[in-house]
Amino acid sequence: FDDAPFSRIIYPALTTVHQSIQRMMEEAVTVLAAQRS
């Protein structure tokens, strides 16, 4: 999970779930800001 760079270069190459880390961070900040208010 997370499609880390090493998953492409190890043998055998690892099948992974790719999810945008930037999008996860943006959503986390949005949730934290809403909880704070």
Full PDB file with SEQRES, HELIX, SHEET, SSBOND, CRYST1, ORIGX, SCALE, CONECT and MASTER records, all heavy atoms in Angstrom:
SEQRES   1 A   37  PHE ASP ASP ALA PRO PHE SER ARG ILE ILE TYR PRO ALA          
SEQRES   2 A   37  LEU THR THR VAL HIS GLN SER ILE GLN ARG MET MET GLU          
SEQRES   3 A   37  GLU ALA VAL THR VAL LEU ALA ALA GLN ARG SER                  
HELIX    1 AA1 PHE A    6  ILE A    9  1                                   4    
HELIX    2 AA2 ILE A   21  ARG A   36  1                                  16    
CRYST1    1.000    1.000    1.000  90.00  90.00  90.00 P 1           1          
ORIGX1      1.000000  0.000000  0.000000        0.00000                         
ORIGX2      0.000000  1.000000  0.000000        0.00000                         
ORIGX3      0.000000  0.000000  1.000000        0.00000                         
SCALE1      1.000000  0.000000  0.000000        0.00000                         
SCALE2      0.000000  1.000000  0.000000        0.00000                         
SCALE3      0.000000  0.000000  1.000000        0.00000                         
ATOM      1  N   PHE A   1       0.849  -1.188   0.000  1.00  0.00           N  
ATOM      2  CA  PHE A   1       0.000   0.000   0.000  1.00  0.00           C  
ATOM      3  C   PHE A   1       0.883   1.236   0.000  1.00  0.00           C  
ATOM      4  O   PHE A   1       1.873   1.286   0.710  1.00  0.00           O  
ATOM      5  CB  PHE A   1      -0.912   0.021   1.233  1.00  0.00           C  
ATOM      6  CG  PHE A   1      -1.877   1.157   1.213  1.00  0.00           C  
ATOM      7  CD1 PHE A   1      -3.046   1.048   0.483  1.00  0.00           C  
ATOM      8  CD2 PHE A   1      -1.613   2.328   1.876  1.00  0.00           C  
ATOM      9  CE1 PHE A   1      -3.942   2.113   0.436  1.00  0.00           C  
ATOM     10  CE2 PHE A   1      -2.501   3.391   1.840  1.00  0.00           C  
ATOM     11  CZ  PHE A   1      -3.670   3.271   1.117  1.00  0.00           C  
ATOM     12  N   ASP A   2       0.559   2.189  -0.779  1.00  0.00           N  
ATOM     13  CA  ASP A   2       1.125   3.535  -0.890  1.00  0.00           C  
ATOM     14  C   ASP A   2       2.081   3.705  -2.058  1.00  0.00           C  
ATOM     15  O   ASP A   2       2.567   4.787  -2.310  1.00  0.00           O  
ATOM     16  CB  ASP A   2       1.735   4.061   0.410  1.00  0.00           C  
ATOM     17  CG  ASP A   2       3.136   3.558   0.733  1.00  0.00           C  
ATOM     18  OD1 ASP A   2       3.745   2.869  -0.089  1.00  0.00           O  
ATOM     19  OD2 ASP A   2       3.621   3.890   1.827  1.00  0.00           O  
ATOM     20  N   ASP A   3       2.337   2.662  -2.818  1.00  0.00           N  
ATOM     21  CA  ASP A   3       3.160   2.743  -4.037  1.00  0.00           C  
ATOM     22  C   ASP A   3       4.489   3.448  -3.782  1.00  0.00           C  
ATOM     23  O   ASP A   3       4.915   4.311  -4.534  1.00  0.00           O  
ATOM     24  CB  ASP A   3       2.384   3.445  -5.154  1.00  0.00           C  
ATOM     25  CG  ASP A   3       2.973   3.172  -6.538  1.00  0.00           C  
ATOM     26  OD1 ASP A   3       3.732   2.189  -6.680  1.00  0.00           O  
ATOM     27  OD2 ASP A   3       2.683   3.937  -7.464  1.00  0.00           O  
ATOM     28  N   ALA A   4       5.154   3.053  -2.693  1.00  0.00           N  
ATOM     29  CA  ALA A   4       6.467   3.618  -2.357  1.00  0.00           C  
ATOM     30  C   ALA A   4       7.454   3.347  -3.495  1.00  0.00           C  
ATOM     31  O   ALA A   4       7.338   2.336  -4.197  1.00  0.00           O  
ATOM     32  CB  ALA A   4       6.983   3.014  -1.068  1.00  0.00           C  
ATOM     33  N   PRO A   5       8.431   4.227  -3.696  1.00  0.00           N  
ATOM     34  CA  PRO A   5       9.377   4.065  -4.806  1.00  0.00           C  
ATOM     35  C   PRO A   5      10.075   2.700  -4.844  1.00  0.00           C  
ATOM     36  O   PRO A   5      10.303   2.153  -5.906  1.00  0.00           O  
ATOM     37  CB  PRO A   5      10.382   5.196  -4.591  1.00  0.00           C  
ATOM     38  CG  PRO A   5       9.596   6.252  -3.886  1.00  0.00           C  
ATOM     39  CD  PRO A   5       8.644   5.496  -2.990  1.00  0.00           C  
ATOM     40  N   PHE A   6      10.376   2.124  -3.672  1.00  0.00           N  
ATOM     41  CA  PHE A   6      11.074   0.834  -3.674  1.00  0.00           C  
ATOM     42  C   PHE A   6      10.234  -0.280  -4.288  1.00  0.00           C  
ATOM     43  O   PHE A   6      10.768  -1.275  -4.766  1.00  0.00           O  
ATOM     44  CB  PHE A   6      11.509   0.437  -2.255  1.00  0.00           C  
ATOM     45  CG  PHE A   6      10.382  -0.070  -1.397  1.00  0.00           C  
ATOM     46  CD1 PHE A   6      10.041  -1.408  -1.413  1.00  0.00           C  
ATOM     47  CD2 PHE A   6       9.673   0.789  -0.581  1.00  0.00           C  
ATOM     48  CE1 PHE A   6       8.997  -1.889  -0.629  1.00  0.00           C  
ATOM     49  CE2 PHE A   6       8.640   0.327   0.209  1.00  0.00           C  
ATOM     50  CZ  PHE A   6       8.301  -1.020   0.182  1.00  0.00           C  
ATOM     51  N   SER A   7       8.904  -0.127  -4.301  1.00  0.00           N  
ATOM     52  CA  SER A   7       8.042  -1.183  -4.835  1.00  0.00           C  
ATOM     53  C   SER A   7       8.265  -1.415  -6.326  1.00  0.00           C  
ATOM     54  O   SER A   7       7.956  -2.478  -6.849  1.00  0.00           O  
ATOM     55  CB  SER A   7       6.572  -0.880  -4.556  1.00  0.00           C  
ATOM     56  OG  SER A   7       6.178   0.317  -5.183  1.00  0.00           O  
ATOM     57  N   ARG A   8       8.835  -0.430  -7.016  1.00  0.00           N  
ATOM     58  CA  ARG A   8       9.115  -0.558  -8.448  1.00  0.00           C  
ATOM     59  C   ARG A   8      10.465  -1.193  -8.720  1.00  0.00           C  
ATOM     60  O   ARG A   8      10.674  -1.759  -9.786  1.00  0.00           O  
ATOM     61  CB  ARG A   8       9.085   0.823  -9.109  1.00  0.00           C  
ATOM     62  CG  ARG A   8       7.696   1.390  -9.175  1.00  0.00           C  
ATOM     63  CD  ARG A   8       7.715   2.835  -9.635  1.00  0.00           C  
ATOM     64  NE  ARG A   8       6.961   3.538  -8.602  1.00  0.00           N  
ATOM     65  CZ  ARG A   8       7.200   4.728  -8.157  1.00  0.00           C  
ATOM     66  NH1 ARG A   8       8.172   5.435  -8.638  1.00  0.00           N  
ATOM     67  NH2 ARG A   8       6.447   5.254  -7.216  1.00  0.00           N  
ATOM     68  N   ILE A   9      11.401  -1.075  -7.771  1.00  0.00           N  
ATOM     69  CA  ILE A   9      12.772  -1.514  -8.057  1.00  0.00           C  
ATOM     70  C   ILE A   9      13.153  -2.828  -7.402  1.00  0.00           C  
ATOM     71  O   ILE A   9      14.175  -3.406  -7.756  1.00  0.00           O  
ATOM     72  CB  ILE A   9      13.792  -0.417  -7.679  1.00  0.00           C  
ATOM     73  CG1 ILE A   9      13.716  -0.085  -6.198  1.00  0.00           C  
ATOM     74  CG2 ILE A   9      13.596   0.811  -8.528  1.00  0.00           C  
ATOM     75  CD1 ILE A   9      14.785   0.880  -5.732  1.00  0.00           C  
ATOM     76  N   ILE A  10      12.338  -3.329  -6.455  1.00  0.00           N  
ATOM     77  CA  ILE A  10      12.658  -4.631  -5.861  1.00  0.00           C  
ATOM     78  C   ILE A  10      12.257  -5.729  -6.837  1.00  0.00           C  
ATOM     79  O   ILE A  10      11.538  -5.493  -7.808  1.00  0.00           O  
ATOM     80  CB  ILE A  10      11.958  -4.824  -4.499  1.00  0.00           C  
ATOM     81  CG1 ILE A  10      10.435  -4.779  -4.657  1.00  0.00           C  
ATOM     82  CG2 ILE A  10      12.434  -3.801  -3.490  1.00  0.00           C  
ATOM     83  CD1 ILE A  10       9.694  -5.161  -3.401  1.00  0.00           C  
ATOM     84  N   TYR A  11      12.735  -6.945  -6.570  1.00  0.00           N  
ATOM     85  CA  TYR A  11      12.359  -8.070  -7.420  1.00  0.00           C  
ATOM     86  C   TYR A  11      11.690  -9.125  -6.566  1.00  0.00           C  
ATOM     87  O   TYR A  11      12.262  -9.537  -5.558  1.00  0.00           O  
ATOM     88  CB  TYR A  11      13.574  -8.674  -8.119  1.00  0.00           C  
ATOM     89  CG  TYR A  11      13.170  -9.837  -8.993  1.00  0.00           C  
ATOM     90  CD1 TYR A  11      12.618  -9.608 -10.247  1.00  0.00           C  
ATOM     91  CD2 TYR A  11      13.280 -11.138  -8.544  1.00  0.00           C  
ATOM     92  CE1 TYR A  11      12.201 -10.664 -11.031  1.00  0.00           C  
ATOM     93  CE2 TYR A  11      12.863 -12.202  -9.328  1.00  0.00           C  
ATOM     94  CZ  TYR A  11      12.327 -11.954 -10.568  1.00  0.00           C  
ATOM     95  OH  TYR A  11      11.907 -12.992 -11.348  1.00  0.00           O  
ATOM     96  N   PRO A  12      10.522  -9.593  -6.939  1.00  0.00           N  
ATOM     97  CA  PRO A  12       9.706  -9.080  -8.041  1.00  0.00           C  
ATOM     98  C   PRO A  12       9.098  -7.728  -7.661  1.00  0.00           C  
ATOM     99  O   PRO A  12       8.869  -7.451  -6.487  1.00  0.00           O  
ATOM    100  CB  PRO A  12       8.624 -10.140  -8.207  1.00  0.00           C  
ATOM    101  CG  PRO A  12       8.489 -10.776  -6.865  1.00  0.00           C  
ATOM    102  CD  PRO A  12       9.861 -10.710  -6.246  1.00  0.00           C  
ATOM    103  N   ALA A  13       8.839  -6.916  -8.665  1.00  0.00           N  
ATOM    104  CA  ALA A  13       8.229  -5.603  -8.425  1.00  0.00           C  
ATOM    105  C   ALA A  13       6.889  -5.807  -7.710  1.00  0.00           C  
ATOM    106  O   ALA A  13       6.112  -6.693  -8.053  1.00  0.00           O  
ATOM    107  CB  ALA A  13       8.034  -4.866  -9.742  1.00  0.00           C  
ATOM    108  N   LEU A  14       6.639  -4.998  -6.686  1.00  0.00           N  
ATOM    109  CA  LEU A  14       5.489  -5.185  -5.803  1.00  0.00           C  
ATOM    110  C   LEU A  14       4.235  -4.497  -6.348  1.00  0.00           C  
ATOM    111  O   LEU A  14       4.241  -3.303  -6.654  1.00  0.00           O  
ATOM    112  CB  LEU A  14       5.823  -4.608  -4.421  1.00  0.00           C  
ATOM    113  CG  LEU A  14       4.776  -4.756  -3.331  1.00  0.00           C  
ATOM    114  CD1 LEU A  14       4.520  -6.233  -3.020  1.00  0.00           C  
ATOM    115  CD2 LEU A  14       5.224  -4.019  -2.081  1.00  0.00           C  
ATOM    116  N   THR A  15       3.162  -5.277  -6.461  1.00  0.00           N  
ATOM    117  CA  THR A  15       1.853  -4.728  -6.791  1.00  0.00           C  
ATOM    118  C   THR A  15       1.416  -3.875  -5.603  1.00  0.00           C  
ATOM    119  O   THR A  15       1.572  -4.298  -4.458  1.00  0.00           O  
ATOM    120  CB  THR A  15       0.843  -5.867  -7.037  1.00  0.00           C  
ATOM    121  OG1 THR A  15       1.277  -6.604  -8.184  1.00  0.00           O  
ATOM    122  CG2 THR A  15      -0.569  -5.350  -7.266  1.00  0.00           C  
ATOM    123  N   THR A  16       0.905  -2.672  -5.850  1.00  0.00           N  
ATOM    124  CA  THR A  16       0.527  -1.787  -4.754  1.00  0.00           C  
ATOM    125  C   THR A  16      -0.744  -1.017  -5.053  1.00  0.00           C  
ATOM    126  O   THR A  16      -1.182  -0.932  -6.196  1.00  0.00           O  
ATOM    127  CB  THR A  16       1.628  -0.737  -4.454  1.00  0.00           C  
ATOM    128  OG1 THR A  16       1.809   0.081  -5.598  1.00  0.00           O  
ATOM    129  CG2 THR A  16       2.931  -1.364  -4.069  1.00  0.00           C  
ATOM    130  N   VAL A  17      -1.296  -0.433  -4.012  1.00  0.00           N  
ATOM    131  CA  VAL A  17      -2.400   0.505  -4.147  1.00  0.00           C  
ATOM    132  C   VAL A  17      -1.775   1.892  -4.155  1.00  0.00           C  
ATOM    133  O   VAL A  17      -1.019   2.240  -3.250  1.00  0.00           O  
ATOM    134  CB  VAL A  17      -3.404   0.369  -2.986  1.00  0.00           C  
ATOM    135  CG1 VAL A  17      -4.480   1.445  -3.078  1.00  0.00           C  
ATOM    136  CG2 VAL A  17      -4.020  -1.021  -2.986  1.00  0.00           C  
ATOM    137  N   HIS A  18      -2.063   2.660  -5.192  1.00  0.00           N  
ATOM    138  CA  HIS A  18      -1.532   4.027  -5.287  1.00  0.00           C  
ATOM    139  C   HIS A  18      -2.600   5.002  -4.827  1.00  0.00           C  
ATOM    140  O   HIS A  18      -3.755   4.911  -5.220  1.00  0.00           O  
ATOM    141  CB  HIS A  18      -1.131   4.356  -6.728  1.00  0.00           C  
ATOM    142  CG  HIS A  18      -0.722   5.788  -6.881  1.00  0.00           C  
ATOM    143  ND1 HIS A  18       0.518   6.224  -6.530  1.00  0.00           N  
ATOM    144  CD2 HIS A  18      -1.404   6.867  -7.308  1.00  0.00           C  
ATOM    145  CE1 HIS A  18       0.598   7.531  -6.744  1.00  0.00           C  
ATOM    146  NE2 HIS A  18      -0.560   7.941  -7.217  1.00  0.00           N  
ATOM    147  N   GLN A  19      -2.186   5.927  -3.967  1.00  0.00           N  
ATOM    148  CA  GLN A  19      -3.080   6.975  -3.486  1.00  0.00           C  
ATOM    149  C   GLN A  19      -2.241   8.235  -3.328  1.00  0.00           C  
ATOM    150  O   GLN A  19      -1.120   8.180  -2.833  1.00  0.00           O  
ATOM    151  CB  GLN A  19      -3.671   6.541  -2.144  1.00  0.00           C  
ATOM    152  CG  GLN A  19      -4.800   7.393  -1.663  1.00  0.00           C  
ATOM    153  CD  GLN A  19      -5.520   6.747  -0.497  1.00  0.00           C  
ATOM    154  OE1 GLN A  19      -5.815   5.565  -0.516  1.00  0.00           O  
ATOM    155  NE2 GLN A  19      -5.790   7.511   0.519  1.00  0.00           N  
ATOM    156  N   SER A  20      -2.760   9.356  -3.734  1.00  0.00           N  
ATOM    157  CA  SER A  20      -2.025  10.615  -3.693  1.00  0.00           C  
ATOM    158  C   SER A  20      -1.749  11.050  -2.255  1.00  0.00           C  
ATOM    159  O   SER A  20      -2.673  11.357  -1.500  1.00  0.00           O  
ATOM    160  CB  SER A  20      -2.807  11.714  -4.420  1.00  0.00           C  
ATOM    161  OG  SER A  20      -2.207  12.969  -4.195  1.00  0.00           O  
ATOM    162  N   ILE A  21      -0.481  11.093  -1.879  1.00  0.00           N  
ATOM    163  CA  ILE A  21      -0.106  11.549  -0.546  1.00  0.00           C  
ATOM    164  C   ILE A  21      -0.477  13.021  -0.386  1.00  0.00           C  
ATOM    165  O   ILE A  21      -0.959  13.433   0.669  1.00  0.00           O  
ATOM    166  CB  ILE A  21       1.393  11.298  -0.289  1.00  0.00           C  
ATOM    167  CG1 ILE A  21       1.637   9.790  -0.214  1.00  0.00           C  
ATOM    168  CG2 ILE A  21       1.853  11.993   0.988  1.00  0.00           C  
ATOM    169  CD1 ILE A  21       3.088   9.395  -0.111  1.00  0.00           C  
ATOM    170  N   GLN A  22      -0.297  13.812  -1.426  1.00  0.00           N  
ATOM    171  CA  GLN A  22      -0.660  15.229  -1.349  1.00  0.00           C  
ATOM    172  C   GLN A  22      -2.148  15.383  -1.065  1.00  0.00           C  
ATOM    173  O   GLN A  22      -2.553  16.187  -0.230  1.00  0.00           O  
ATOM    174  CB  GLN A  22      -0.295  15.963  -2.630  1.00  0.00           C  
ATOM    175  CG  GLN A  22      -0.675  17.439  -2.570  1.00  0.00           C  
ATOM    176  CD  GLN A  22      -0.181  18.233  -3.764  1.00  0.00           C  
ATOM    177  OE1 GLN A  22       0.732  17.822  -4.453  1.00  0.00           O  
ATOM    178  NE2 GLN A  22      -0.800  19.365  -3.995  1.00  0.00           N  
ATOM    179  N   ARG A  23      -2.975  14.603  -1.747  1.00  0.00           N  
ATOM    180  CA  ARG A  23      -4.434  14.682  -1.536  1.00  0.00           C  
ATOM    181  C   ARG A  23      -4.791  14.242  -0.121  1.00  0.00           C  
ATOM    182  O   ARG A  23      -5.661  14.843   0.527  1.00  0.00           O  
ATOM    183  CB  ARG A  23      -5.149  13.814  -2.578  1.00  0.00           C  
ATOM    184  CG  ARG A  23      -6.641  13.822  -2.469  1.00  0.00           C  
ATOM    185  CD  ARG A  23      -7.229  15.177  -2.863  1.00  0.00           C  
ATOM    186  NE  ARG A  23      -8.645  15.149  -2.652  1.00  0.00           N  
ATOM    187  CZ  ARG A  23      -9.261  15.701  -1.609  1.00  0.00           C  
ATOM    188  NH1 ARG A  23      -8.591  16.368  -0.714  1.00  0.00           N  
ATOM    189  NH2 ARG A  23     -10.564  15.618  -1.471  1.00  0.00           N  
ATOM    190  N   MET A  24      -4.116  13.205   0.408  1.00  0.00           N  
ATOM    191  CA  MET A  24      -4.373  12.767   1.784  1.00  0.00           C  
ATOM    192  C   MET A  24      -4.007  13.870   2.777  1.00  0.00           C  
ATOM    193  O   MET A  24      -4.740  14.114   3.743  1.00  0.00           O  
ATOM    194  CB  MET A  24      -3.586  11.497   2.107  1.00  0.00           C  
ATOM    195  CG  MET A  24      -4.146  10.251   1.457  1.00  0.00           C  
ATOM    196  SD  MET A  24      -3.395   8.733   2.068  1.00  0.00           S  
ATOM    197  CE  MET A  24      -1.787   8.792   1.306  1.00  0.00           C  
ATOM    198  N   MET A  25      -2.881  14.551   2.545  1.00  0.00           N  
ATOM    199  CA  MET A  25      -2.470  15.638   3.442  1.00  0.00           C  
ATOM    200  C   MET A  25      -3.455  16.795   3.383  1.00  0.00           C  
ATOM    201  O   MET A  25      -3.813  17.370   4.414  1.00  0.00           O  
ATOM    202  CB  MET A  25      -1.059  16.113   3.086  1.00  0.00           C  
ATOM    203  CG  MET A  25       0.012  15.106   3.417  1.00  0.00           C  
ATOM    204  SD  MET A  25       1.710  15.692   3.202  1.00  0.00           S  
ATOM    205  CE  MET A  25       1.716  16.310   1.534  1.00  0.00           C  
ATOM    206  N   GLU A  26      -3.902  17.145   2.176  1.00  0.00           N  
ATOM    207  CA  GLU A  26      -4.875  18.229   2.031  1.00  0.00           C  
ATOM    208  C   GLU A  26      -6.156  17.910   2.795  1.00  0.00           C  
ATOM    209  O   GLU A  26      -6.710  18.767   3.490  1.00  0.00           O  
ATOM    210  CB  GLU A  26      -5.187  18.464   0.555  1.00  0.00           C  
ATOM    211  CG  GLU A  26      -4.048  19.071  -0.231  1.00  0.00           C  
ATOM    212  CD  GLU A  26      -4.275  19.043  -1.736  1.00  0.00           C  
ATOM    213  OE1 GLU A  26      -5.282  18.453  -2.201  1.00  0.00           O  
ATOM    214  OE2 GLU A  26      -3.437  19.619  -2.453  1.00  0.00           O  
ATOM    215  N   GLU A  27      -6.622  16.683   2.666  1.00  0.00           N  
ATOM    216  CA  GLU A  27      -7.851  16.279   3.352  1.00  0.00           C  
ATOM    217  C   GLU A  27      -7.652  16.277   4.863  1.00  0.00           C  
ATOM    218  O   GLU A  27      -8.533  16.699   5.618  1.00  0.00           O  
ATOM    219  CB  GLU A  27      -8.308  14.900   2.865  1.00  0.00           C  
ATOM    220  CG  GLU A  27      -9.651  14.485   3.410  1.00  0.00           C  
ATOM    221  CD  GLU A  27     -10.782  15.432   3.042  1.00  0.00           C  
ATOM    222  OE1 GLU A  27     -10.749  16.055   1.959  1.00  0.00           O  
ATOM    223  OE2 GLU A  27     -11.723  15.555   3.850  1.00  0.00           O  
ATOM    224  N   ALA A  28      -6.494  15.836   5.330  1.00  0.00           N  
ATOM    225  CA  ALA A  28      -6.208  15.830   6.766  1.00  0.00           C  
ATOM    226  C   ALA A  28      -6.236  17.250   7.326  1.00  0.00           C  
ATOM    227  O   ALA A  28      -6.803  17.493   8.401  1.00  0.00           O  
ATOM    228  CB  ALA A  28      -4.859  15.173   7.030  1.00  0.00           C  
ATOM    229  N   VAL A  29      -5.635  18.189   6.611  1.00  0.00           N  
ATOM    230  CA  VAL A  29      -5.625  19.580   7.061  1.00  0.00           C  
ATOM    231  C   VAL A  29      -7.054  20.128   7.093  1.00  0.00           C  
ATOM    232  O   VAL A  29      -7.447  20.819   8.044  1.00  0.00           O  
ATOM    233  CB  VAL A  29      -4.711  20.447   6.172  1.00  0.00           C  
ATOM    234  CG1 VAL A  29      -4.907  21.931   6.449  1.00  0.00           C  
ATOM    235  CG2 VAL A  29      -3.258  20.045   6.367  1.00  0.00           C  
ATOM    236  N   THR A  30      -7.845  19.813   6.095  1.00  0.00           N  
ATOM    237  CA  THR A  30      -9.236  20.265   6.048  1.00  0.00           C  
ATOM    238  C   THR A  30     -10.020  19.734   7.249  1.00  0.00           C  
ATOM    239  O   THR A  30     -10.754  20.472   7.910  1.00  0.00           O  
ATOM    240  CB  THR A  30      -9.907  19.811   4.730  1.00  0.00           C  
ATOM    241  OG1 THR A  30      -9.193  20.379   3.638  1.00  0.00           O  
ATOM    242  CG2 THR A  30     -11.371  20.214   4.674  1.00  0.00           C  
ATOM    243  N   VAL A  31      -9.856  18.449   7.546  1.00  0.00           N  
ATOM    244  CA  VAL A  31     -10.562  17.829   8.676  1.00  0.00           C  
ATOM    245  C   VAL A  31     -10.105  18.444  10.001  1.00  0.00           C  
ATOM    246  O   VAL A  31     -10.920  18.757  10.872  1.00  0.00           O  
ATOM    247  CB  VAL A  31     -10.361  16.294   8.672  1.00  0.00           C  
ATOM    248  CG1 VAL A  31     -10.853  15.664   9.966  1.00  0.00           C  
ATOM    249  CG2 VAL A  31     -11.071  15.680   7.478  1.00  0.00           C  
ATOM    250  N   LEU A  32      -8.791  18.627  10.161  1.00  0.00           N  
ATOM    251  CA  LEU A  32      -8.277  19.215  11.398  1.00  0.00           C  
ATOM    252  C   LEU A  32      -8.772  20.655  11.586  1.00  0.00           C  
ATOM    253  O   LEU A  32      -9.138  21.051  12.693  1.00  0.00           O  
ATOM    254  CB  LEU A  32      -6.755  19.181  11.411  1.00  0.00           C  
ATOM    255  CG  LEU A  32      -6.134  17.799  11.606  1.00  0.00           C  
ATOM    256  CD1 LEU A  32      -4.625  17.859  11.388  1.00  0.00           C  
ATOM    257  CD2 LEU A  32      -6.461  17.250  12.980  1.00  0.00           C  
ATOM    258  N   ALA A  33      -8.800  21.425  10.514  1.00  0.00           N  
ATOM    259  CA  ALA A  33      -9.289  22.804  10.602  1.00  0.00           C  
ATOM    260  C   ALA A  33     -10.769  22.822  10.984  1.00  0.00           C  
ATOM    261  O   ALA A  33     -11.201  23.637  11.808  1.00  0.00           O  
ATOM    262  CB  ALA A  33      -9.063  23.527   9.278  1.00  0.00           C  
ATOM    263  N   ALA A  34     -11.554  21.929  10.417  1.00  0.00           N  
ATOM    264  CA  ALA A  34     -12.981  21.857  10.737  1.00  0.00           C  
ATOM    265  C   ALA A  34     -13.179  21.453  12.195  1.00  0.00           C  
ATOM    266  O   ALA A  34     -14.030  22.018  12.891  1.00  0.00           O  
ATOM    267  CB  ALA A  34     -13.680  20.869   9.808  1.00  0.00           C  
ATOM    268  N   GLN A  35     -12.393  20.507  12.678  1.00  0.00           N  
ATOM    269  CA  GLN A  35     -12.503  20.081  14.080  1.00  0.00           C  
ATOM    270  C   GLN A  35     -12.091  21.197  15.024  1.00  0.00           C  
ATOM    271  O   GLN A  35     -12.652  21.349  16.105  1.00  0.00           O  
ATOM    272  CB  GLN A  35     -11.640  18.846  14.336  1.00  0.00           C  
ATOM    273  CG  GLN A  35     -12.253  17.542  13.916  1.00  0.00           C  
ATOM    274  CD  GLN A  35     -13.537  17.234  14.655  1.00  0.00           C  
ATOM    275  OE1 GLN A  35     -14.581  17.095  14.040  1.00  0.00           O  
ATOM    276  NE2 GLN A  35     -13.489  17.111  15.957  1.00  0.00           N  
ATOM    277  N   ARG A  36     -11.107  21.969  14.625  1.00  0.00           N  
ATOM    278  CA  ARG A  36     -10.657  23.069  15.483  1.00  0.00           C  
ATOM    279  C   ARG A  36     -11.735  24.147  15.606  1.00  0.00           C  
ATOM    280  O   ARG A  36     -11.948  24.716  16.672  1.00  0.00           O  
ATOM    281  CB  ARG A  36      -9.377  23.672  14.933  1.00  0.00           C  
ATOM    282  CG  ARG A  36      -8.832  24.725  15.840  1.00  0.00           C  
ATOM    283  CD  ARG A  36      -7.453  25.117  15.490  1.00  0.00           C  
ATOM    284  NE  ARG A  36      -7.064  26.148  16.442  1.00  0.00           N  
ATOM    285  CZ  ARG A  36      -5.847  26.494  16.682  1.00  0.00           C  
ATOM    286  NH1 ARG A  36      -4.872  25.910  16.036  1.00  0.00           N  
ATOM    287  NH2 ARG A  36      -5.570  27.412  17.553  1.00  0.00           N  
ATOM    288  N   SER A  37     -12.427  24.426  14.501  1.00  0.00           N  
ATOM    289  CA  SER A  37     -13.472  25.450  14.542  1.00  0.00           C  
ATOM    290  C   SER A  37     -14.744  24.945  15.226  1.00  0.00           C  
ATOM    291  O   SER A  37     -15.523  25.739  15.743  1.00  0.00           O  
ATOM    292  CB  SER A  37     -13.786  25.971  13.141  1.00  0.00           C  
ATOM    293  OG  SER A  37     -14.359  24.955  12.357  1.00  0.00           O  
TER     294      SER A  37                                                      
MASTER        0    0    0    2    0    0    0    6  293    1    0    3          
END                                                                             
